[in-house]
PDB file of N, CA and C in Angstrom:
ATOM      1  N   MET A   1      21.433  -7.182   8.551  1.00  0.00           N
ATOM      2  CA  MET A   1      21.308  -7.783   7.231  1.00  0.00           C
ATOM      3  C   MET A   1      19.849  -8.150   6.981  1.00  0.00           C
ATOM      4  N   LEU A   2      19.366  -7.846   5.782  1.00  0.00           N
ATOM      5  CA  LEU A   2      17.982  -8.138   5.442  1.00  0.00           C
ATOM      6  C   LEU A   2      17.824  -9.582   5.005  1.00  0.00           C
ATOM      7  N   THR A   3      16.718 -10.149   5.396  1.00  0.00           N
ATOM      8  CA  THR A   3      16.381 -11.494   4.970  1.00  0.00           C
ATOM      9  C   THR A   3      15.915 -11.432   3.521  1.00  0.00           C
ATOM     10  N   PRO A   4      16.374 -12.330   2.659  1.00  0.00           N
ATOM     11  CA  PRO A   4      15.910 -12.318   1.276  1.00  0.00           C
ATOM     12  C   PRO A   4      14.386 -12.458   1.221  1.00  0.00           C
ATOM     13  N   LEU A   5      13.804 -11.747   0.297  1.00  0.00           N
ATOM     14  CA  LEU A   5      12.350 -11.790   0.156  1.00  0.00           C
ATOM     15  C   LEU A   5      11.940 -12.926  -0.755  1.00  0.00           C
ATOM     16  N   PRO A   6      10.802 -13.525  -0.474  1.00  0.00           N
ATOM     17  CA  PRO A   6      10.307 -14.584  -1.356  1.00  0.00           C
ATOM     18  C   PRO A   6       9.898 -14.003  -2.705  1.00  0.00           C
ATOM     19  N   SER A   7       9.836 -14.857  -3.707  1.00  0.00           N
ATOM     20  CA  SER A   7       9.478 -14.384  -5.042  1.00  0.00           C
ATOM     21  C   SER A   7       8.086 -13.761  -5.069  1.00  0.00           C
ATOM     22  N   SER A   8       7.241 -14.093  -4.084  1.00  0.00           N
ATOM     23  CA  SER A   8       5.897 -13.513  -4.047  1.00  0.00           C
ATOM     24  C   SER A   8       5.937 -12.011  -3.811  1.00  0.00           C
ATOM     25  N   ALA A   9       7.105 -11.468  -3.396  1.00  0.00           N
ATOM     26  CA  ALA A   9       7.219 -10.023  -3.188  1.00  0.00           C
ATOM     27  C   ALA A   9       6.953  -9.274  -4.483  1.00  0.00           C
ATOM     28  N   ALA A  10       7.275  -9.877  -5.618  1.00  0.00           N
ATOM     29  CA  ALA A  10       7.042  -9.225  -6.900  1.00  0.00           C
ATOM     30  C   ALA A  10       5.556  -9.009  -7.161  1.00  0.00           C
ATOM     31  N   ASP A  11       4.725  -9.739  -6.480  1.00  0.00           N
ATOM     32  CA  ASP A  11       3.283  -9.613  -6.655  1.00  0.00           C
ATOM     33  C   ASP A  11       2.644  -8.725  -5.601  1.00  0.00           C
ATOM     34  N   LEU A  12       3.453  -8.100  -4.750  1.00  0.00           N
ATOM     35  CA  LEU A  12       2.911  -7.326  -3.641  1.00  0.00           C
ATOM     36  C   LEU A  12       2.934  -5.831  -3.965  1.00  0.00           C
ATOM     37  N   LEU A  13       1.810  -5.182  -3.727  1.00  0.00           N
ATOM     38  CA  LEU A  13       1.677  -3.736  -3.891  1.00  0.00           C
ATOM     39  C   LEU A  13       1.313  -3.141  -2.543  1.00  0.00           C
ATOM     40  N   ILE A  14       2.051  -2.118  -2.149  1.00  0.00           N
ATOM     41  CA  ILE A  14       1.767  -1.395  -0.915  1.00  0.00           C
ATOM     42  C   ILE A  14       1.429   0.026  -1.331  1.00  0.00           C
ATOM     43  N   ALA A  15       0.171   0.388  -1.226  1.00  0.00           N
ATOM     44  CA  ALA A  15      -0.282   1.726  -1.619  1.00  0.00           C
ATOM     45  C   ALA A  15      -0.643   2.518  -0.378  1.00  0.00           C
ATOM     46  N   CYS A  16      -0.081   3.709  -0.274  1.00  0.00           N
ATOM     47  CA  CYS A  16      -0.404   4.602   0.827  1.00  0.00           C
ATOM     48  C   CYS A  16      -1.362   5.655   0.293  1.00  0.00           C
ATOM     49  N   LEU A  17      -2.550   5.696   0.879  1.00  0.00           N
ATOM     50  CA  LEU A  17      -3.564   6.663   0.489  1.00  0.00           C
ATOM     51  C   LEU A  17      -3.484   7.841   1.444  1.00  0.00           C
ATOM     52  N   CYS A  18      -3.066   8.982   0.926  1.00  0.00           N
ATOM     53  CA  CYS A  18      -2.848  10.161   1.757  1.00  0.00           C
ATOM     54  C   CYS A  18      -3.322  11.412   1.040  1.00  0.00           C
ATOM     55  N   ALA A  19      -3.056  12.567   1.660  1.00  0.00           N
ATOM     56  CA  ALA A  19      -3.412  13.857   1.071  1.00  0.00           C
ATOM     57  C   ALA A  19      -2.295  14.852   1.338  1.00  0.00           C
ATOM     58  N   GLU A  20      -2.031  15.703   0.371  1.00  0.00           N
ATOM     59  CA  GLU A  20      -0.959  16.691   0.489  1.00  0.00           C
ATOM     60  C   GLU A  20      -1.156  17.621   1.678  1.00  0.00           C
ATOM     61  N   TRP A  21      -2.387  17.968   1.988  1.00  0.00           N
ATOM     62  CA  TRP A  21      -2.660  18.911   3.072  1.00  0.00           C
ATOM     63  C   TRP A  21      -2.424  18.310   4.457  1.00  0.00           C
ATOM     64  N   CYS A  22      -2.283  17.009   4.542  1.00  0.00           N
ATOM     65  CA  CYS A  22      -2.132  16.319   5.821  1.00  0.00           C
ATOM     66  C   CYS A  22      -0.666  16.342   6.263  1.00  0.00           C
ATOM     67  N   GLY A  23      -0.395  16.976   7.392  1.00  0.00           N
ATOM     68  CA  GLY A  23       0.962  17.052   7.915  1.00  0.00           C
ATOM     69  C   GLY A  23       1.550  15.691   8.219  1.00  0.00           C
ATOM     70  N   THR A  24       0.744  14.806   8.758  1.00  0.00           N
ATOM     71  CA  THR A  24       1.221  13.445   9.047  1.00  0.00           C
ATOM     72  C   THR A  24       1.644  12.760   7.760  1.00  0.00           C
ATOM     73  N   CYS A  25       0.864  12.926   6.710  1.00  0.00           N
ATOM     74  CA  CYS A  25       1.204  12.317   5.426  1.00  0.00           C
ATOM     75  C   CYS A  25       2.505  12.888   4.876  1.00  0.00           C
ATOM     76  N   ARG A  26       2.664  14.193   4.943  1.00  0.00           N
ATOM     77  CA  ARG A  26       3.896  14.814   4.446  1.00  0.00           C
ATOM     78  C   ARG A  26       5.109  14.269   5.193  1.00  0.00           C
ATOM     79  N   ASP A  27       4.977  14.088   6.507  1.00  0.00           N
ATOM     80  CA  ASP A  27       6.078  13.543   7.303  1.00  0.00           C
ATOM     81  C   ASP A  27       6.339  12.073   6.989  1.00  0.00           C
ATOM     82  N   TYR A  28       5.312  11.355   6.592  1.00  0.00           N
ATOM     83  CA  TYR A  28       5.390   9.911   6.353  1.00  0.00           C
ATOM     84  C   TYR A  28       5.896   9.575   4.949  1.00  0.00           C
ATOM     85  N   GLN A  29       5.732  10.489   4.003  1.00  0.00           N
ATOM     86  CA  GLN A  29       6.014  10.174   2.605  1.00  0.00           C
ATOM     87  C   GLN A  29       7.460   9.763   2.358  1.00  0.00           C
ATOM     88  N   ALA A  30       8.428  10.523   2.825  1.00  0.00           N
ATOM     89  CA  ALA A  30       9.837  10.189   2.561  1.00  0.00           C
ATOM     90  C   ALA A  30      10.227   8.839   3.170  1.00  0.00           C
ATOM     91  N   PRO A  31       9.906   8.580   4.448  1.00  0.00           N
ATOM     92  CA  PRO A  31      10.232   7.252   4.989  1.00  0.00           C
ATOM     93  C   PRO A  31       9.498   6.120   4.252  1.00  0.00           C
ATOM     94  N   PHE A  32       8.252   6.364   3.855  1.00  0.00           N
ATOM     95  CA  PHE A  32       7.497   5.361   3.103  1.00  0.00           C
ATOM     96  C   PHE A  32       8.226   5.037   1.798  1.00  0.00           C
ATOM     97  N   GLU A  33       8.672   6.070   1.096  1.00  0.00           N
ATOM     98  CA  GLU A  33       9.371   5.863  -0.171  1.00  0.00           C
ATOM     99  C   GLU A  33      10.682   5.098   0.031  1.00  0.00           C
ATOM    100  N   LYS A  34      11.360   5.326   1.151  1.00  0.00           N
ATOM    101  CA  LYS A  34      12.620   4.634   1.432  1.00  0.00           C
ATOM    102  C   LYS A  34      12.412   3.141   1.686  1.00  0.00           C
ATOM    103  N   MET A  35      11.202   2.752   2.042  1.00  0.00           N
ATOM    104  CA  MET A  35      10.924   1.330   2.298  1.00  0.00           C
ATOM    105  C   MET A  35      11.089   0.494   1.032  1.00  0.00           C
ATOM    106  N   GLN A  36      10.980   1.114  -0.124  1.00  0.00           N
ATOM    107  CA  GLN A  36      11.163   0.384  -1.378  1.00  0.00           C
ATOM    108  C   GLN A  36      12.520  -0.317  -1.392  1.00  0.00           C
ATOM    109  N   ALA A  37      13.534   0.310  -0.837  1.00  0.00           N
ATOM    110  CA  ALA A  37      14.875  -0.289  -0.811  1.00  0.00           C
ATOM    111  C   ALA A  37      14.920  -1.540   0.069  1.00  0.00           C
ATOM    112  N   GLN A  38      14.103  -1.586   1.111  1.00  0.00           N
ATOM    113  CA  GLN A  38      14.090  -2.752   1.995  1.00  0.00           C
ATOM    114  C   GLN A  38      13.290  -3.909   1.417  1.00  0.00           C
ATOM    115  N   PHE A  39      12.364  -3.594   0.528  1.00  0.00           N
ATOM    116  CA  PHE A  39      11.518  -4.617  -0.090  1.00  0.00           C
ATOM    117  C   PHE A  39      11.556  -4.402  -1.606  1.00  0.00           C
ATOM    118  N   PRO A  40      12.718  -4.647  -2.243  1.00  0.00           N
ATOM    119  CA  PRO A  40      12.889  -4.281  -3.647  1.00  0.00           C
ATOM    120  C   PRO A  40      11.961  -4.997  -4.623  1.00  0.00           C
ATOM    121  N   GLY A  41      11.451  -6.135  -4.266  1.00  0.00           N
ATOM    122  CA  GLY A  41      10.561  -6.837  -5.178  1.00  0.00           C
ATOM    123  C   GLY A  41       9.131  -6.347  -5.121  1.00  0.00           C
ATOM    124  N   ALA A  42       8.781  -5.672  -4.044  1.00  0.00           N
ATOM    125  CA  ALA A  42       7.411  -5.160  -3.889  1.00  0.00           C
ATOM    126  C   ALA A  42       7.302  -3.806  -4.586  1.00  0.00           C
ATOM    127  N   ARG A  43       6.071  -3.396  -4.837  1.00  0.00           N
ATOM    128  CA  ARG A  43       5.825  -2.091  -5.450  1.00  0.00           C
ATOM    129  C   ARG A  43       5.202  -1.176  -4.406  1.00  0.00           C
ATOM    130  N   PHE A  44       5.810  -0.037  -4.188  1.00  0.00           N
ATOM    131  CA  PHE A  44       5.289   0.957  -3.268  1.00  0.00           C
ATOM    132  C   PHE A  44       4.713   2.101  -4.085  1.00  0.00           C
ATOM    133  N   LEU A  45       3.538   2.535  -3.714  1.00  0.00           N
ATOM    134  CA  LEU A  45       2.846   3.563  -4.478  1.00  0.00           C
ATOM    135  C   LEU A  45       2.244   4.589  -3.527  1.00  0.00           C
ATOM    136  N   TRP A  46       2.527   5.844  -3.762  1.00  0.00           N
ATOM    137  CA  TRP A  46       1.959   6.950  -2.993  1.00  0.00           C
ATOM    138  C   TRP A  46       0.784   7.471  -3.790  1.00  0.00           C
ATOM    139  N   VAL A  47      -0.404   7.485  -3.183  1.00  0.00           N
ATOM    140  CA  VAL A  47      -1.617   7.922  -3.873  1.00  0.00           C
ATOM    141  C   VAL A  47      -2.224   9.085  -3.108  1.00  0.00           C
ATOM    142  N   ASP A  48      -2.206  10.263  -3.715  1.00  0.00           N
ATOM    143  CA  ASP A  48      -2.872  11.415  -3.122  1.00  0.00           C
ATOM    144  C   ASP A  48      -4.360  11.278  -3.458  1.00  0.00           C
ATOM    145  N   VAL A  49      -5.188  11.113  -2.433  1.00  0.00           N
ATOM    146  CA  VAL A  49      -6.608  10.812  -2.651  1.00  0.00           C
ATOM    147  C   VAL A  49      -7.350  11.958  -3.318  1.00  0.00           C
ATOM    148  N   GLU A  50      -6.808  13.162  -3.251  1.00  0.00           N
ATOM    149  CA  GLU A  50      -7.458  14.284  -3.927  1.00  0.00           C
ATOM    150  C   GLU A  50      -6.981  14.414  -5.367  1.00  0.00           C
ATOM    151  N   ASP A  51      -5.673  14.297  -5.585  1.00  0.00           N
ATOM    152  CA  ASP A  51      -5.151  14.365  -6.950  1.00  0.00           C
ATOM    153  C   ASP A  51      -5.599  13.179  -7.791  1.00  0.00           C
ATOM    154  N   GLU A  52      -5.786  12.050  -7.149  1.00  0.00           N
ATOM    155  CA  GLU A  52      -6.171  10.810  -7.844  1.00  0.00           C
ATOM    156  C   GLU A  52      -7.593  10.400  -7.474  1.00  0.00           C
ATOM    157  N   SER A  53      -8.476  11.380  -7.312  1.00  0.00           N
ATOM    158  CA  SER A  53      -9.834  11.084  -6.838  1.00  0.00           C
ATOM    159  C   SER A  53     -10.599  10.151  -7.769  1.00  0.00           C
ATOM    160  N   GLU A  54     -10.392  10.264  -9.071  1.00  0.00           N
ATOM    161  CA  GLU A  54     -11.090   9.373  -9.997  1.00  0.00           C
ATOM    162  C   GLU A  54     -10.616   7.934  -9.847  1.00  0.00           C
ATOM    163  N   LEU A  55      -9.342   7.760  -9.564  1.00  0.00           N
ATOM    164  CA  LEU A  55      -8.783   6.424  -9.355  1.00  0.00           C
ATOM    165  C   LEU A  55      -9.300   5.820  -8.055  1.00  0.00           C
ATOM    166  N   VAL A  56      -9.353   6.624  -7.006  1.00  0.00           N
ATOM    167  CA  VAL A  56      -9.708   6.152  -5.671  1.00  0.00           C
ATOM    168  C   VAL A  56     -11.219   5.976  -5.507  1.00  0.00           C
ATOM    169  N   ASP A  57     -12.025   6.791  -6.161  1.00  0.00           N
ATOM    170  CA  ASP A  57     -13.484   6.738  -6.035  1.00  0.00           C
ATOM    171  C   ASP A  57     -14.004   5.329  -6.307  1.00  0.00           C
ATOM    172  N   PRO A  58     -14.873   4.797  -5.501  1.00  0.00           N
ATOM    173  CA  PRO A  58     -15.737   5.395  -4.487  1.00  0.00           C
ATOM    174  C   PRO A  58     -15.206   5.304  -3.048  1.00  0.00           C
ATOM    175  N   ILE A  59     -13.930   4.957  -2.880  1.00  0.00           N
ATOM    176  CA  ILE A  59     -13.353   4.857  -1.538  1.00  0.00           C
ATOM    177  C   ILE A  59     -13.300   6.253  -0.910  1.00  0.00           C
ATOM    178  N   THR A  60     -13.695   6.342   0.342  1.00  0.00           N
ATOM    179  CA  THR A  60     -13.546   7.570   1.109  1.00  0.00           C
ATOM    180  C   THR A  60     -12.540   7.296   2.223  1.00  0.00           C
ATOM    181  N   VAL A  61     -11.434   8.016   2.183  1.00  0.00           N
ATOM    182  CA  VAL A  61     -10.399   7.849   3.203  1.00  0.00           C
ATOM    183  C   VAL A  61     -10.636   8.910   4.263  1.00  0.00           C
ATOM    184  N   GLU A  62     -10.891   8.460   5.475  1.00  0.00           N
ATOM    185  CA  GLU A  62     -11.200   9.378   6.561  1.00  0.00           C
ATOM    186  C   GLU A  62     -10.029   9.595   7.500  1.00  0.00           C
ATOM    187  N   ASN A  63      -9.091   8.655   7.572  1.00  0.00           N
ATOM    188  CA  ASN A  63      -7.942   8.757   8.471  1.00  0.00           C
ATOM    189  C   ASN A  63      -6.672   8.449   7.694  1.00  0.00           C
ATOM    190  N   PHE A  64      -5.619   9.172   8.040  1.00  0.00           N
ATOM    191  CA  PHE A  64      -4.348   9.044   7.337  1.00  0.00           C
ATOM    192  C   PHE A  64      -3.243   8.626   8.295  1.00  0.00           C
ATOM    193  N   PRO A  65      -2.272   7.881   7.811  1.00  0.00           N
ATOM    194  CA  PRO A  65      -2.209   7.235   6.509  1.00  0.00           C
ATOM    195  C   PRO A  65      -3.045   5.950   6.484  1.00  0.00           C
ATOM    196  N   THR A  66      -3.638   5.693   5.349  1.00  0.00           N
ATOM    197  CA  THR A  66      -4.376   4.459   5.122  1.00  0.00           C
ATOM    198  C   THR A  66      -3.593   3.643   4.101  1.00  0.00           C
ATOM    199  N   LEU A  67      -3.380   2.381   4.409  1.00  0.00           N
ATOM    200  CA  LEU A  67      -2.633   1.510   3.512  1.00  0.00           C
ATOM    201  C   LEU A  67      -3.538   0.463   2.885  1.00  0.00           C
ATOM    202  N   LEU A  68      -3.263   0.190   1.629  1.00  0.00           N
ATOM    203  CA  LEU A  68      -3.859  -0.934   0.932  1.00  0.00           C
ATOM    204  C   LEU A  68      -2.701  -1.812   0.498  1.00  0.00           C
ATOM    205  N   ILE A  69      -2.675  -3.022   1.015  1.00  0.00           N
ATOM    206  CA  ILE A  69      -1.655  -3.991   0.614  1.00  0.00           C
ATOM    207  C   ILE A  69      -2.379  -5.104  -0.114  1.00  0.00           C
ATOM    208  N   CYS A  70      -1.922  -5.373  -1.324  1.00  0.00           N
ATOM    209  CA  CYS A  70      -2.593  -6.422  -2.094  1.00  0.00           C
ATOM    210  C   CYS A  70      -1.575  -7.246  -2.863  1.00  0.00           C
ATOM    211  N   ARG A  71      -1.979  -8.449  -3.121  1.00  0.00           N
ATOM    212  CA  ARG A  71      -1.226  -9.345  -3.987  1.00  0.00           C
ATOM    213  C   ARG A  71      -2.042  -9.417  -5.260  1.00  0.00           C
ATOM    214  N   ARG A  72      -1.492  -8.719  -6.248  1.00  0.00           N
ATOM    215  CA  ARG A  72      -2.257  -8.468  -7.484  1.00  0.00           C
ATOM    216  C   ARG A  72      -3.561  -7.787  -7.090  1.00  0.00           C
ATOM    217  N   ASP A  73      -4.709  -8.318  -7.457  1.00  0.00           N
ATOM    218  CA  ASP A  73      -5.965  -7.624  -7.136  1.00  0.00           C
ATOM    219  C   ASP A  73      -6.669  -8.204  -5.907  1.00  0.00           C
ATOM    220  N   LYS A  74      -5.944  -8.968  -5.111  1.00  0.00           N
ATOM    221  CA  LYS A  74      -6.519  -9.526  -3.880  1.00  0.00           C
ATOM    222  C   LYS A  74      -5.997  -8.731  -2.685  1.00  0.00           C
ATOM    223  N   ALA A  75      -6.898  -8.066  -1.997  1.00  0.00           N
ATOM    224  CA  ALA A  75      -6.512  -7.241  -0.854  1.00  0.00           C
ATOM    225  C   ALA A  75      -6.137  -8.122   0.329  1.00  0.00           C
ATOM    226  N   LEU A  76      -4.992  -7.819   0.931  1.00  0.00           N
ATOM    227  CA  LEU A  76      -4.522  -8.536   2.115  1.00  0.00           C
ATOM    228  C   LEU A  76      -4.709  -7.685   3.366  1.00  0.00           C
ATOM    229  N   PHE A  77      -4.604  -6.369   3.196  1.00  0.00           N
ATOM    230  CA  PHE A  77      -4.753  -5.440   4.322  1.00  0.00           C
ATOM    231  C   PHE A  77      -5.294  -4.132   3.779  1.00  0.00           C
ATOM    232  N   PHE A  78      -6.233  -3.533   4.514  1.00  0.00           N
ATOM    233  CA  PHE A  78      -6.740  -2.221   4.157  1.00  0.00           C
ATOM    234  C   PHE A  78      -7.147  -1.519   5.441  1.00  0.00           C
ATOM    235  N   GLY A  79      -6.421  -0.463   5.793  1.00  0.00           N
ATOM    236  CA  GLY A  79      -6.771   0.258   6.999  1.00  0.00           C
ATOM    237  C   GLY A  79      -5.765   1.328   7.355  1.00  0.00           C
ATOM    238  N   THR A  80      -6.120   2.074   8.351  1.00  0.00           N
ATOM    239  CA  THR A  80      -5.266   3.130   8.869  1.00  0.00           C
ATOM    240  C   THR A  80      -4.177   2.502   9.731  1.00  0.00           C
ATOM    241  N   VAL A  81      -2.973   3.031   9.620  1.00  0.00           N
ATOM    242  CA  VAL A  81      -1.856   2.544  10.422  1.00  0.00           C
ATOM    243  C   VAL A  81      -1.169   3.720  11.106  1.00  0.00           C
ATOM    244  N   THR A  82      -0.446   3.409  12.155  1.00  0.00           N
ATOM    245  CA  THR A  82       0.361   4.450  12.777  1.00  0.00           C
ATOM    246  C   THR A  82       1.525   4.748  11.830  1.00  0.00           C
ATOM    247  N   PRO A  83       1.917   6.001  11.720  1.00  0.00           N
ATOM    248  CA  PRO A  83       2.973   6.357  10.759  1.00  0.00           C
ATOM    249  C   PRO A  83       4.371   6.079  11.285  1.00  0.00           C
ATOM    250  N   HIS A  84       4.630   4.827  11.587  1.00  0.00           N
ATOM    251  CA  HIS A  84       5.941   4.413  12.068  1.00  0.00           C
ATOM    252  C   HIS A  84       6.493   3.363  11.113  1.00  0.00           C
ATOM    253  N   MET A  85       7.754   3.480  10.792  1.00  0.00           N
ATOM    254  CA  MET A  85       8.362   2.559   9.844  1.00  0.00           C
ATOM    255  C   MET A  85       8.394   1.133  10.367  1.00  0.00           C
ATOM    256  N   GLU A  86       8.581   0.949  11.668  1.00  0.00           N
ATOM    257  CA  GLU A  86       8.588  -0.405  12.228  1.00  0.00           C
ATOM    258  C   GLU A  86       7.241  -1.085  12.002  1.00  0.00           C
ATOM    259  N   THR A  87       6.164  -0.321  12.122  1.00  0.00           N
ATOM    260  CA  THR A  87       4.827  -0.875  11.885  1.00  0.00           C
ATOM    261  C   THR A  87       4.688  -1.300  10.430  1.00  0.00           C
ATOM    262  N   LEU A  88       5.136  -0.462   9.517  1.00  0.00           N
ATOM    263  CA  LEU A  88       5.051  -0.792   8.097  1.00  0.00           C
ATOM    264  C   LEU A  88       5.916  -2.005   7.766  1.00  0.00           C
ATOM    265  N   GLN A  89       7.125  -2.064   8.282  1.00  0.00           N
ATOM    266  CA  GLN A  89       8.001  -3.213   8.031  1.00  0.00           C
ATOM    267  C   GLN A  89       7.353  -4.510   8.488  1.00  0.00           C
ATOM    268  N   ARG A  90       6.824  -4.502   9.699  1.00  0.00           N
ATOM    269  CA  ARG A  90       6.183  -5.704  10.250  1.00  0.00           C
ATOM    270  C   ARG A  90       4.969  -6.104   9.408  1.00  0.00           C
ATOM    271  N   LEU A  91       4.190  -5.113   9.018  1.00  0.00           N
ATOM    272  CA  LEU A  91       2.987  -5.378   8.233  1.00  0.00           C
ATOM    273  C   LEU A  91       3.338  -5.976   6.870  1.00  0.00           C
ATOM    274  N   VAL A  92       4.323  -5.400   6.209  1.00  0.00           N
ATOM    275  CA  VAL A  92       4.721  -5.919   4.893  1.00  0.00           C
ATOM    276  C   VAL A  92       5.271  -7.338   5.023  1.00  0.00           C
ATOM    277  N   ARG A  93       6.127  -7.570   5.997  1.00  0.00           N
ATOM    278  CA  ARG A  93       6.687  -8.922   6.183  1.00  0.00           C
ATOM    279  C   ARG A  93       5.585  -9.947   6.455  1.00  0.00           C
ATOM    280  N   THR A  94       4.592  -9.557   7.238  1.00  0.00           N
ATOM    281  CA  THR A  94       3.468 -10.457   7.522  1.00  0.00           C
ATOM    282  C   THR A  94       2.714 -10.793   6.238  1.00  0.00           C
ATOM    283  N   GLN A  95       2.504  -9.797   5.389  1.00  0.00           N
ATOM    284  CA  GLN A  95       1.749 -10.022   4.159  1.00  0.00           C
ATOM    285  C   GLN A  95       2.552 -10.776   3.106  1.00  0.00           C
ATOM    286  N   LEU A  96       3.870 -10.821   3.260  1.00  0.00           N
ATOM    287  CA  LEU A  96       4.709 -11.586   2.344  1.00  0.00           C
ATOM    288  C   LEU A  96       4.641 -13.088   2.604  1.00  0.00           C
ATOM    289  N   ALA A  97       4.163 -13.466   3.764  1.00  0.00           N
ATOM    290  CA  ALA A  97       4.072 -14.896   4.087  1.00  0.00           C
ATOM    291  C   ALA A  97       3.179 -15.597   3.058  1.00  0.00           C
ATOM    292  N   PRO A  98       3.594 -16.771   2.604  1.00  0.00           N
ATOM    293  CA  PRO A  98       2.810 -17.475   1.588  1.00  0.00           C
ATOM    294  C   PRO A  98       1.384 -17.789   2.034  1.00  0.00           C
ATOM    295  N   ASP A  99       1.177 -17.907   3.346  1.00  0.00           N
ATOM    296  CA  ASP A  99      -0.159 -18.241   3.834  1.00  0.00           C
ATOM    297  C   ASP A  99      -0.936 -17.002   4.309  1.00  0.00           C
ATOM    298  N   ALA A 100      -0.484 -15.802   3.954  1.00  0.00           N
ATOM    299  CA  ALA A 100      -1.204 -14.586   4.344  1.00  0.00           C
ATOM    300  C   ALA A 100      -2.581 -14.612   3.693  1.00  0.00           C
ATOM    301  N   PRO A 101      -3.632 -14.570   4.500  1.00  0.00           N
ATOM    302  CA  PRO A 101      -4.978 -14.668   3.935  1.00  0.00           C
ATOM    303  C   PRO A 101      -5.423 -13.361   3.300  1.00  0.00           C
ATOM    304  N   ALA A 102      -6.207 -13.490   2.244  1.00  0.00           N
ATOM    305  CA  ALA A 102      -6.825 -12.321   1.620  1.00  0.00           C
ATOM    306  C   ALA A 102      -8.010 -11.891   2.471  1.00  0.00           C
ATOM    307  N   LEU A 103      -8.345 -10.622   2.376  1.00  0.00           N
ATOM    308  CA  LEU A 103      -9.534 -10.129   3.069  1.00  0.00           C
ATOM    309  C   LEU A 103     -10.783 -10.639   2.359  1.00  0.00           C
ATOM    310  N   PRO A 104     -11.909 -10.694   3.059  1.00  0.00           N
ATOM    311  CA  PRO A 104     -13.147 -11.063   2.382  1.00  0.00           C
ATOM    312  C   PRO A 104     -13.431 -10.070   1.251  1.00  0.00           C
ATOM    313  N   PRO A 105     -14.064 -10.515   0.185  1.00  0.00           N
ATOM    314  CA  PRO A 105     -14.333  -9.625  -0.948  1.00  0.00           C
ATOM    315  C   PRO A 105     -15.115  -8.380  -0.522  1.00  0.00           C
ATOM    316  N   GLU A 106     -14.758  -7.260  -1.123  1.00  0.00           N
ATOM    317  CA  GLU A 106     -15.450  -5.986  -0.915  1.00  0.00           C
ATOM    318  C   GLU A 106     -15.261  -5.196  -2.205  1.00  0.00           C
ATOM    319  N   ASP A 107     -16.348  -4.913  -2.894  1.00  0.00           N
ATOM    320  CA  ASP A 107     -16.284  -4.373  -4.251  1.00  0.00           C
ATOM    321  C   ASP A 107     -15.458  -3.102  -4.400  1.00  0.00           C
ATOM    322  N   ALA A 108     -15.686  -2.086  -3.575  1.00  0.00           N
ATOM    323  CA  ALA A 108     -14.992  -0.807  -3.739  1.00  0.00           C
ATOM    324  C   ALA A 108     -13.489  -0.970  -3.525  1.00  0.00           C
ATOM    325  N   ARG A 109     -13.114  -1.617  -2.443  1.00  0.00           N
ATOM    326  CA  ARG A 109     -11.696  -1.813  -2.124  1.00  0.00           C
ATOM    327  C   ARG A 109     -11.012  -2.691  -3.171  1.00  0.00           C
ATOM    328  N   ASP A 110     -11.648  -3.783  -3.538  1.00  0.00           N
ATOM    329  CA  ASP A 110     -11.066  -4.693  -4.515  1.00  0.00           C
ATOM    330  C   ASP A 110     -10.973  -4.036  -5.890  1.00  0.00           C
ATOM    331  N   GLY A 111     -11.921  -3.168  -6.194  1.00  0.00           N
ATOM    332  CA  GLY A 111     -11.864  -2.411  -7.449  1.00  0.00           C
ATOM    333  C   GLY A 111     -10.666  -1.478  -7.471  1.00  0.00           C
ATOM    334  N   LEU A 112     -10.407  -0.835  -6.340  1.00  0.00           N
ATOM    335  CA  LEU A 112      -9.228   0.034  -6.245  1.00  0.00           C
ATOM    336  C   LEU A 112      -7.953  -0.782  -6.415  1.00  0.00           C
ATOM    337  N   ALA A 113      -7.880  -1.930  -5.765  1.00  0.00           N
ATOM    338  CA  ALA A 113      -6.698  -2.787  -5.904  1.00  0.00           C
ATOM    339  C   ALA A 113      -6.472  -3.152  -7.373  1.00  0.00           C
ATOM    340  N   LYS A 114      -7.514  -3.498  -8.046  1.00  0.00           N
ATOM    341  CA  LYS A 114      -7.408  -3.873  -9.465  1.00  0.00           C
ATOM    342  C   LYS A 114      -6.963  -2.682 -10.312  1.00  0.00           C
ATOM    343  N   ARG A 115      -7.536  -1.510 -10.059  1.00  0.00           N
ATOM    344  CA  ARG A 115      -7.146  -0.320 -10.826  1.00  0.00           C
ATOM    345  C   ARG A 115      -5.679   0.039 -10.584  1.00  0.00           C
ATOM    346  N   LEU A 116      -5.225  -0.094  -9.344  1.00  0.00           N
ATOM    347  CA  LEU A 116      -3.829   0.208  -9.047  1.00  0.00           C
ATOM    348  C   LEU A 116      -2.890  -0.741  -9.780  1.00  0.00           C
ATOM    349  N   TRP A 117      -3.253  -2.025  -9.858  1.00  0.00           N
ATOM    350  CA  TRP A 117      -2.404  -2.983 -10.570  1.00  0.00           C
ATOM    351  C   TRP A 117      -2.394  -2.730 -12.068  1.00  0.00           C
ATOM    352  N   GLU A 118      -3.505  -2.251 -12.584  1.00  0.00           N
ATOM    353  CA  GLU A 118      -3.600  -2.013 -14.023  1.00  0.00           C
ATOM    354  C   GLU A 118      -2.937  -0.701 -14.443  1.00  0.00           C
ATOM    355  N   GLN A 119      -2.720   0.170 -13.477  1.00  0.00           N
ATOM    356  CA  GLN A 119      -2.096   1.475 -13.765  1.00  0.00           C
ATOM    357  C   GLN A 119      -0.678   1.253 -14.254  1.00  0.00           C
ATOM    358  N   ASN A 120      -0.316   1.947 -15.318  1.00  0.00           N
ATOM    359  CA  ASN A 120       1.010   1.759 -15.916  1.00  0.00           C
ATOM    360  C   ASN A 120       2.088   2.638 -15.308  1.00  0.00           C
ATOM    361  N   SER A 121       1.720   3.760 -14.717  1.00  0.00           N
ATOM    362  CA  SER A 121       2.738   4.686 -14.224  1.00  0.00           C
ATOM    363  C   SER A 121       2.858   4.564 -12.712  1.00  0.00           C
ATOM    364  N   TRP A 122       3.893   3.887 -12.261  1.00  0.00           N
ATOM    365  CA  TRP A 122       4.131   3.740 -10.822  1.00  0.00           C
ATOM    366  C   TRP A 122       4.923   4.947 -10.345  1.00  0.00           C
ATOM    367  N   LYS A 123       4.451   5.571  -9.281  1.00  0.00           N
ATOM    368  CA  LYS A 123       5.099   6.785  -8.785  1.00  0.00           C
ATOM    369  C   LYS A 123       6.322   6.482  -7.947  1.00  0.00           C
ATOM    370  N   ILE A 124       6.404   5.305  -7.404  1.00  0.00           N
ATOM    371  CA  ILE A 124       7.564   4.936  -6.600  1.00  0.00           C
ATOM    372  C   ILE A 124       8.159   3.670  -7.181  1.00  0.00           C
TER     373      ILE A 124
END
């Protein structure tokens, strides 16, 4: 049985920055999308860094999958993760904690977080 999520889940965005050509990303996409059911208040977004290069720029993603987790436009986590669902579940639950600290400001990353929140068409 899942533990009810706090209302702050509605403010949480989990964006996976990947590329279609990446085999690891292709394998990770379906399980990533299924996580939406476990965290219904959060927003999960799949971002192909090549198809959405204007949105992602100036960020350069060198390793996949890279996750950006933010509460509105405040980044809580940004980095490469192992493509395991248990890792993602633990990471999301940690960031849902009311005392989860934001990362220090960083213009490019924080700009991406803001653009993702302002985007009207959520893919997941």
